[in-house]
Every structure is written in structure tokens, then in C-alpha cells.
N, C-alpha and C. Protein backbone atom coordinates (compact mmCIF):
# COMPACT_ATOMS: atom_id res chain seq x y z
N MET A 1 31.68 -20.56 22.99
CA MET A 1 32.60 -19.51 22.17
C MET A 1 31.49 -18.26 22.48
N ARG A 2 31.97 -16.85 23.08
CA ARG A 2 30.85 -16.06 23.35
C ARG A 2 31.07 -15.27 22.00
N ILE A 3 29.62 -14.74 21.97
CA ILE A 3 29.54 -13.17 21.04
C ILE A 3 29.68 -11.96 21.32
N SER A 4 30.64 -11.12 20.81
CA SER A 4 30.84 -10.11 21.58
C SER A 4 29.47 -9.00 21.27
N PHE A 5 29.38 -7.80 22.01
CA PHE A 5 28.39 -7.24 21.31
C PHE A 5 28.50 -6.80 20.52
N VAL A 6 29.64 -6.13 20.15
CA VAL A 6 29.32 -5.82 18.54
C VAL A 6 28.99 -6.42 17.60
N SER A 7 29.73 -7.81 17.66
CA SER A 7 29.19 -8.44 16.61
C SER A 7 27.56 -8.97 16.60
N LYS A 8 26.80 -8.91 17.62
CA LYS A 8 25.52 -9.02 17.66
C LYS A 8 24.76 -8.18 17.00
N LEU A 9 25.13 -6.91 17.30
CA LEU A 9 24.83 -5.56 16.75
C LEU A 9 24.83 -6.26 15.11
N SER A 10 26.32 -6.14 14.48
CA SER A 10 26.55 -6.39 13.14
C SER A 10 25.42 -7.27 12.74
N LEU A 11 25.10 -8.49 13.21
CA LEU A 11 24.50 -9.63 12.97
C LEU A 11 23.23 -8.83 12.76
N GLU A 12 22.46 -8.18 13.74
CA GLU A 12 21.10 -8.08 13.31
C GLU A 12 20.82 -6.71 12.51
N VAL A 13 21.95 -5.69 12.46
CA VAL A 13 22.08 -4.88 11.28
C VAL A 13 21.86 -5.50 9.52
N LYS A 14 22.51 -6.54 9.65
CA LYS A 14 22.63 -7.35 8.31
C LYS A 14 21.56 -7.97 8.21
N GLN A 15 20.32 -8.34 9.06
CA GLN A 15 19.43 -8.60 8.75
C GLN A 15 18.17 -7.70 8.47
N GLU A 16 17.60 -8.02 7.09
CA GLU A 16 16.58 -6.97 6.76
C GLU A 16 15.25 -7.10 7.46
N LYS A 17 14.84 -6.54 7.53
CA LYS A 17 13.55 -5.94 8.34
C LYS A 17 12.78 -5.34 7.37
N THR A 18 11.48 -6.07 7.36
CA THR A 18 9.95 -5.13 6.65
C THR A 18 9.92 -3.87 7.11
N ALA A 19 9.43 -3.20 6.38
CA ALA A 19 9.35 -1.54 6.97
C ALA A 19 7.98 -1.48 6.94
N TYR A 20 7.56 -1.20 8.38
CA TYR A 20 6.25 -0.84 9.03
C TYR A 20 5.75 0.33 8.38
N SER A 21 4.59 0.60 7.67
CA SER A 21 4.41 1.70 6.79
C SER A 21 2.48 1.77 7.26
N GLU A 22 2.15 2.97 8.24
CA GLU A 22 0.96 3.12 8.45
C GLU A 22 0.11 3.37 7.14
N LEU A 23 0.65 3.73 6.19
CA LEU A 23 -0.21 4.36 4.83
C LEU A 23 -0.36 2.93 3.90
N LEU A 24 0.57 2.19 4.10
CA LEU A 24 0.36 0.79 2.99
C LEU A 24 -0.45 0.31 4.20
N ARG A 25 -0.33 -0.02 5.57
CA ARG A 25 -1.05 -0.89 6.10
C ARG A 25 -2.46 -0.56 6.10
N SER A 26 -2.74 0.77 6.11
CA SER A 26 -4.35 1.40 6.10
C SER A 26 -4.55 0.92 4.54
N ILE A 27 -3.91 1.16 3.82
CA ILE A 27 -4.33 0.47 1.93
C ILE A 27 -4.91 -0.67 1.95
N LYS A 28 -3.59 -1.59 2.58
CA LYS A 28 -4.26 -2.76 2.77
C LYS A 28 -5.84 -3.35 3.11
N MET A 29 -5.73 -2.00 4.60
CA MET A 29 -6.86 -2.49 5.09
C MET A 29 -8.46 -2.36 4.28
N ILE A 30 -8.52 -1.38 3.54
CA ILE A 30 -9.23 -0.72 2.86
C ILE A 30 -9.65 -1.26 1.87
N ILE A 31 -8.62 -2.35 1.48
CA ILE A 31 -8.89 -3.14 -0.17
C ILE A 31 -9.77 -4.32 0.40
N ARG A 32 -9.03 -4.81 1.80
CA ARG A 32 -9.51 -6.07 2.05
C ARG A 32 -10.96 -5.83 2.32
N VAL A 33 -11.28 -4.94 3.15
CA VAL A 33 -12.77 -4.28 3.51
C VAL A 33 -13.62 -4.59 2.12
N LEU A 34 -13.19 -3.71 1.23
CA LEU A 34 -13.94 -3.64 0.20
C LEU A 34 -14.24 -4.93 -0.60
N THR A 35 -13.14 -5.85 -0.43
CA THR A 35 -13.18 -7.18 -0.99
C THR A 35 -14.52 -7.87 -0.64
N PHE A 36 -14.45 -7.76 0.82
CA PHE A 36 -15.78 -8.80 1.22
C PHE A 36 -17.30 -7.57 1.60
N VAL A 37 -16.62 -6.61 1.14
CA VAL A 37 -18.34 -5.79 0.50
C VAL A 37 -18.62 -5.78 -0.99
N ILE A 38 -17.50 -5.51 -1.83
CA ILE A 38 -18.21 -5.56 -3.24
C ILE A 38 -18.31 -7.02 -3.77
N VAL A 39 -18.21 -8.09 -2.89
CA VAL A 39 -18.56 -9.40 -3.59
C VAL A 39 -20.07 -9.89 -3.51
N PRO A 40 -20.70 -9.33 -1.97
CA PRO A 40 -21.95 -9.71 -1.55
C PRO A 40 -22.89 -8.94 -2.28
N LEU A 41 -22.26 -7.24 -2.82
CA LEU A 41 -22.83 -6.48 -3.80
C LEU A 41 -23.06 -6.62 -5.08
N GLY A 42 -22.26 -7.54 -5.77
CA GLY A 42 -22.36 -7.67 -7.06
C GLY A 42 -23.39 -9.27 -6.64
N VAL A 43 -23.33 -10.14 -5.74
CA VAL A 43 -24.47 -11.29 -5.85
C VAL A 43 -25.88 -10.45 -5.80
N ILE A 44 -26.50 -9.32 -4.99
CA ILE A 44 -27.23 -9.12 -4.81
C ILE A 44 -27.58 -8.11 -6.31
N LEU A 45 -26.46 -7.38 -6.91
CA LEU A 45 -26.93 -6.66 -8.18
C LEU A 45 -26.98 -7.64 -8.90
N PHE A 46 -26.63 -9.13 -9.40
CA PHE A 46 -26.26 -9.61 -10.14
C PHE A 46 -28.12 -10.12 -10.50
N PHE A 47 -28.39 -10.40 -9.03
CA PHE A 47 -29.81 -11.20 -8.90
C PHE A 47 -31.02 -9.82 -9.08
N SER A 48 -30.86 -8.75 -8.99
CA SER A 48 -31.56 -7.69 -9.09
C SER A 48 -31.66 -7.10 -10.62
N GLN A 49 -30.76 -7.37 -11.54
CA GLN A 49 -30.59 -7.28 -12.75
C GLN A 49 -31.28 -8.25 -13.81
N PHE A 50 -30.97 -9.28 -12.82
CA PHE A 50 -31.59 -10.75 -13.56
C PHE A 50 -33.07 -10.62 -13.27
N SER A 51 -33.62 -10.19 -12.08
CA SER A 51 -34.97 -10.40 -11.95
C SER A 51 -36.06 -9.11 -12.81
N GLN A 52 -35.16 -7.79 -13.17
CA GLN A 52 -35.78 -6.85 -14.38
C GLN A 52 -35.40 -7.66 -15.32
N SER A 53 -34.46 -7.80 -16.35
CA SER A 53 -34.27 -7.84 -17.40
C SER A 53 -34.54 -9.55 -17.99
N GLN A 54 -34.92 -10.32 -16.84
CA GLN A 54 -34.55 -11.78 -17.57
C GLN A 54 -33.73 -12.44 -18.12
N ASP A 55 -32.69 -11.65 -18.72
CA ASP A 55 -31.61 -11.98 -19.95
C ASP A 55 -30.60 -12.28 -18.85
N ILE A 56 -29.96 -13.18 -18.77
CA ILE A 56 -28.37 -13.43 -17.99
C ILE A 56 -27.29 -13.00 -18.62
N ASN A 57 -27.19 -12.87 -19.74
CA ASN A 57 -26.16 -11.68 -20.53
C ASN A 57 -26.00 -10.25 -20.05
N ALA A 58 -27.56 -10.22 -20.33
CA ALA A 58 -27.55 -8.59 -19.47
C ALA A 58 -27.31 -8.24 -18.25
N ALA A 59 -27.70 -9.12 -17.32
CA ALA A 59 -27.47 -9.20 -15.83
C ALA A 59 -25.99 -9.30 -15.76
N ILE A 60 -25.16 -10.05 -16.37
CA ILE A 60 -23.77 -10.88 -16.11
C ILE A 60 -22.47 -9.13 -16.50
N LEU A 61 -23.68 -9.00 -17.72
CA LEU A 61 -22.76 -7.60 -18.37
C LEU A 61 -22.79 -6.68 -17.38
N GLY A 62 -23.72 -6.23 -16.80
CA GLY A 62 -24.25 -5.04 -15.79
C GLY A 62 -23.42 -5.27 -14.52
N THR A 63 -23.50 -6.73 -14.22
CA THR A 63 -23.10 -6.49 -12.67
C THR A 63 -21.56 -6.57 -12.73
N ALA A 64 -20.83 -7.35 -13.94
CA ALA A 64 -19.23 -7.02 -14.08
C ALA A 64 -18.77 -5.36 -14.42
N ALA A 65 -19.84 -4.59 -14.83
CA ALA A 65 -19.28 -3.36 -15.27
C ALA A 65 -19.88 -2.59 -13.73
N ALA A 66 -20.51 -2.80 -13.18
CA ALA A 66 -20.57 -1.97 -11.88
C ALA A 66 -19.67 -2.70 -10.83
N MET A 67 -19.01 -3.77 -10.62
CA MET A 67 -18.08 -4.50 -9.67
C MET A 67 -17.06 -3.88 -10.54
N ILE A 68 -16.62 -3.51 -11.61
CA ILE A 68 -15.18 -3.30 -11.62
C ILE A 68 -15.01 -1.66 -11.75
N GLY A 69 -16.23 -0.79 -11.23
CA GLY A 69 -16.45 0.32 -11.43
C GLY A 69 -16.05 0.38 -9.85
N MET A 70 -16.38 -0.35 -9.22
CA MET A 70 -15.97 0.00 -7.82
C MET A 70 -14.86 -0.43 -7.11
N ILE A 71 -13.85 -1.12 -7.69
CA ILE A 71 -12.53 -1.47 -7.19
C ILE A 71 -11.53 -0.17 -7.16
N PRO A 72 -10.82 0.12 -6.42
CA PRO A 72 -10.28 1.23 -6.59
C PRO A 72 -8.76 0.73 -6.81
N GLU A 73 -8.78 0.87 -8.06
CA GLU A 73 -7.73 0.77 -8.91
C GLU A 73 -6.58 1.71 -8.50
N GLY A 74 -7.01 2.88 -8.68
CA GLY A 74 -6.04 4.07 -8.52
C GLY A 74 -5.55 4.39 -7.28
N LEU A 75 -6.22 3.87 -6.26
CA LEU A 75 -5.46 4.35 -4.90
C LEU A 75 -4.55 3.50 -4.76
N VAL A 76 -3.75 2.67 -5.10
CA VAL A 76 -2.52 2.14 -5.06
C VAL A 76 -1.23 2.59 -5.91
N LEU A 77 -1.73 3.21 -7.38
CA LEU A 77 -1.41 3.77 -8.12
C LEU A 77 -0.76 5.30 -7.48
N LEU A 78 -2.10 5.97 -7.20
CA LEU A 78 -1.62 7.04 -6.45
C LEU A 78 -0.31 7.04 -5.42
N THR A 79 -1.11 6.15 -4.67
CA THR A 79 0.40 6.26 -3.36
C THR A 79 1.23 5.27 -3.91
N SER A 80 2.00 4.81 -4.63
CA SER A 80 3.24 4.64 -5.32
C SER A 80 3.71 5.94 -6.05
N ILE A 81 3.08 6.41 -6.98
CA ILE A 81 3.36 7.79 -7.48
C ILE A 81 3.96 8.83 -6.24
N ALA A 82 3.30 8.98 -5.11
CA ALA A 82 3.04 9.69 -4.38
C ALA A 82 4.55 9.57 -3.65
N LEU A 83 5.01 8.41 -3.52
CA LEU A 83 5.97 7.82 -2.60
C LEU A 83 6.91 8.31 -3.74
N ALA A 84 6.89 7.73 -5.02
CA ALA A 84 8.06 7.66 -5.96
C ALA A 84 8.31 9.43 -5.89
N VAL A 85 7.77 10.10 -6.11
CA VAL A 85 8.35 11.76 -6.44
C VAL A 85 8.80 11.85 -4.83
N GLY A 86 8.51 11.74 -4.03
CA GLY A 86 8.93 11.92 -2.36
C GLY A 86 10.65 11.47 -2.67
N VAL A 87 10.76 10.31 -3.23
CA VAL A 87 12.23 9.54 -3.33
C VAL A 87 13.03 10.35 -4.41
N VAL A 88 12.37 11.01 -5.63
CA VAL A 88 13.00 11.78 -6.38
C VAL A 88 13.47 12.98 -5.71
N ASN A 89 12.58 13.40 -4.95
CA ASN A 89 12.76 15.17 -4.44
C ASN A 89 14.03 14.70 -3.86
N LEU A 90 14.14 13.70 -2.59
CA LEU A 90 15.27 13.82 -1.99
C LEU A 90 16.27 12.99 -2.37
N ALA A 91 16.48 12.54 -3.66
CA ALA A 91 17.51 12.09 -4.40
C ALA A 91 18.14 13.61 -4.96
N ARG A 92 17.25 14.47 -5.02
CA ARG A 92 17.73 15.61 -5.61
C ARG A 92 18.63 16.34 -4.92
N LYS A 93 18.08 15.97 -3.43
CA LYS A 93 19.17 16.69 -2.35
C LYS A 93 20.07 15.76 -1.65
N LYS A 94 20.37 14.96 -2.50
CA LYS A 94 21.67 13.61 -2.16
C LYS A 94 21.42 13.07 -1.00
N VAL A 95 20.08 12.92 -0.72
CA VAL A 95 19.60 11.89 0.16
C VAL A 95 19.02 10.43 -0.64
N LEU A 96 20.10 9.28 0.16
CA LEU A 96 19.62 7.74 -0.39
C LEU A 96 18.43 7.40 0.62
N VAL A 97 17.80 6.76 -0.23
CA VAL A 97 16.22 6.17 0.44
C VAL A 97 16.00 5.23 -0.01
N LYS A 98 16.28 4.13 1.15
CA LYS A 98 16.53 2.29 1.06
C LYS A 98 15.10 1.58 0.60
N THR A 99 14.06 2.49 1.36
CA THR A 99 12.80 1.48 0.97
C THR A 99 11.84 2.85 0.81
N MET A 100 10.37 2.67 0.19
CA MET A 100 9.56 3.65 -0.22
C MET A 100 8.69 3.80 1.17
N PRO A 101 8.45 3.16 1.95
CA PRO A 101 7.89 3.86 3.15
C PRO A 101 8.76 4.78 4.11
N ALA A 102 10.18 4.68 3.41
CA ALA A 102 10.98 5.77 4.74
C ALA A 102 10.39 7.04 4.27
N ILE A 103 9.70 7.52 2.92
CA ILE A 103 9.46 8.75 2.61
C ILE A 103 8.02 8.99 3.87
N GLU A 104 7.51 8.24 4.23
CA GLU A 104 6.56 8.39 5.35
C GLU A 104 7.02 8.71 6.24
N THR A 105 7.41 7.61 6.92
CA THR A 105 8.40 8.00 8.22
C THR A 105 8.65 9.19 8.59
N LEU A 106 9.52 9.71 7.12
CA LEU A 106 10.35 10.84 7.28
C LEU A 106 9.07 12.04 7.36
N ALA A 107 7.93 12.04 6.81
CA ALA A 107 7.12 12.94 6.91
C ALA A 107 6.57 13.17 8.25
N ARG A 108 6.72 12.38 8.87
CA ARG A 108 6.24 12.70 10.36
C ARG A 108 7.32 13.07 11.70
N VAL A 109 8.45 13.06 11.11
CA VAL A 109 9.86 13.69 11.62
C VAL A 109 9.59 15.24 12.26
N ASP A 110 9.96 15.40 13.44
CA ASP A 110 9.73 16.90 13.96
C ASP A 110 10.97 17.54 13.64
N VAL A 111 12.03 16.74 14.35
CA VAL A 111 13.51 17.16 14.67
C VAL A 111 14.16 15.62 13.90
N LEU A 112 15.10 16.29 13.12
CA LEU A 112 16.16 15.71 12.81
C LEU A 112 17.65 15.81 13.27
N CYS A 113 18.08 15.09 14.13
CA CYS A 113 19.54 14.95 14.48
C CYS A 113 20.45 14.21 13.80
N LEU A 114 21.61 15.19 13.04
CA LEU A 114 22.37 14.43 12.60
C LEU A 114 23.77 14.05 12.89
N ASP A 115 24.77 13.58 12.95
CA ASP A 115 26.06 13.73 13.81
C ASP A 115 26.80 13.62 12.34
N LYS A 116 28.04 14.61 12.32
CA LYS A 116 28.28 14.62 10.83
C LYS A 116 30.31 14.52 11.05
N THR A 117 30.02 13.49 12.11
CA THR A 117 31.59 13.05 12.58
C THR A 117 32.37 12.28 11.48
N VAL A 118 33.20 12.50 10.99
CA VAL A 118 34.15 11.82 9.84
C VAL A 118 34.98 10.76 10.86
């Protein structure tokens, strides 16, 4: 039994694909790099604090405070808020956005061609 070309196309359309987003990929890479940088810095900071004060509680507290300050919590939050604002602005113009990275993709478009055939 042969499947027609139209059937193949409709099957491909039905399969949901993960959206490739350069912005989200870059954020994941930044977080991954910072993870590998923050952990050794924390160990070095702990031994530095411990050698100066000889108090393990103060060294742990100071290291935890410094490491928490190094984590970029607001990076993902601000990116998500920016994408959500873009979705809301497009929704006001009666544009349906299926995925958040579609905003980033649309921002890179120079020319948009539409076929309004009914």
C-alpha cells in the first residue's frame, strides 16, 4: 500500500517539533558555563574564608551568600517576560502565536509574504 504525497505531508505536519531558538540555546549555554565556573569558585572561596576566620560556620555562610549572588536568576525571568510581552502585543493585533520562540523568529524576519486566498 502506497501512501500519497499529501498523506505524508499531513503526517509530518501533525508531528510536533521542538522549536529551535537561538536565544534560549544561548541562555542554556550561559547557565551551563556559569555552573562549571561557580562551583570551583565556591570551593576556593570556602577555603579562603575558612583560612582567614578559622570558623567553619562563618565560612559556609559567606560562601553560600557569595555563590547565591553569582547565580543569574533574573536572566531566564527577564527573557520569559520579554517573550510574553511580545506574545501579548501580537495577540492584540489578532496574531496567533503557538510557541514563545516564535517571537524571536519573527523578530529576525525582514519580509513577510502572506497569501490571503480564501
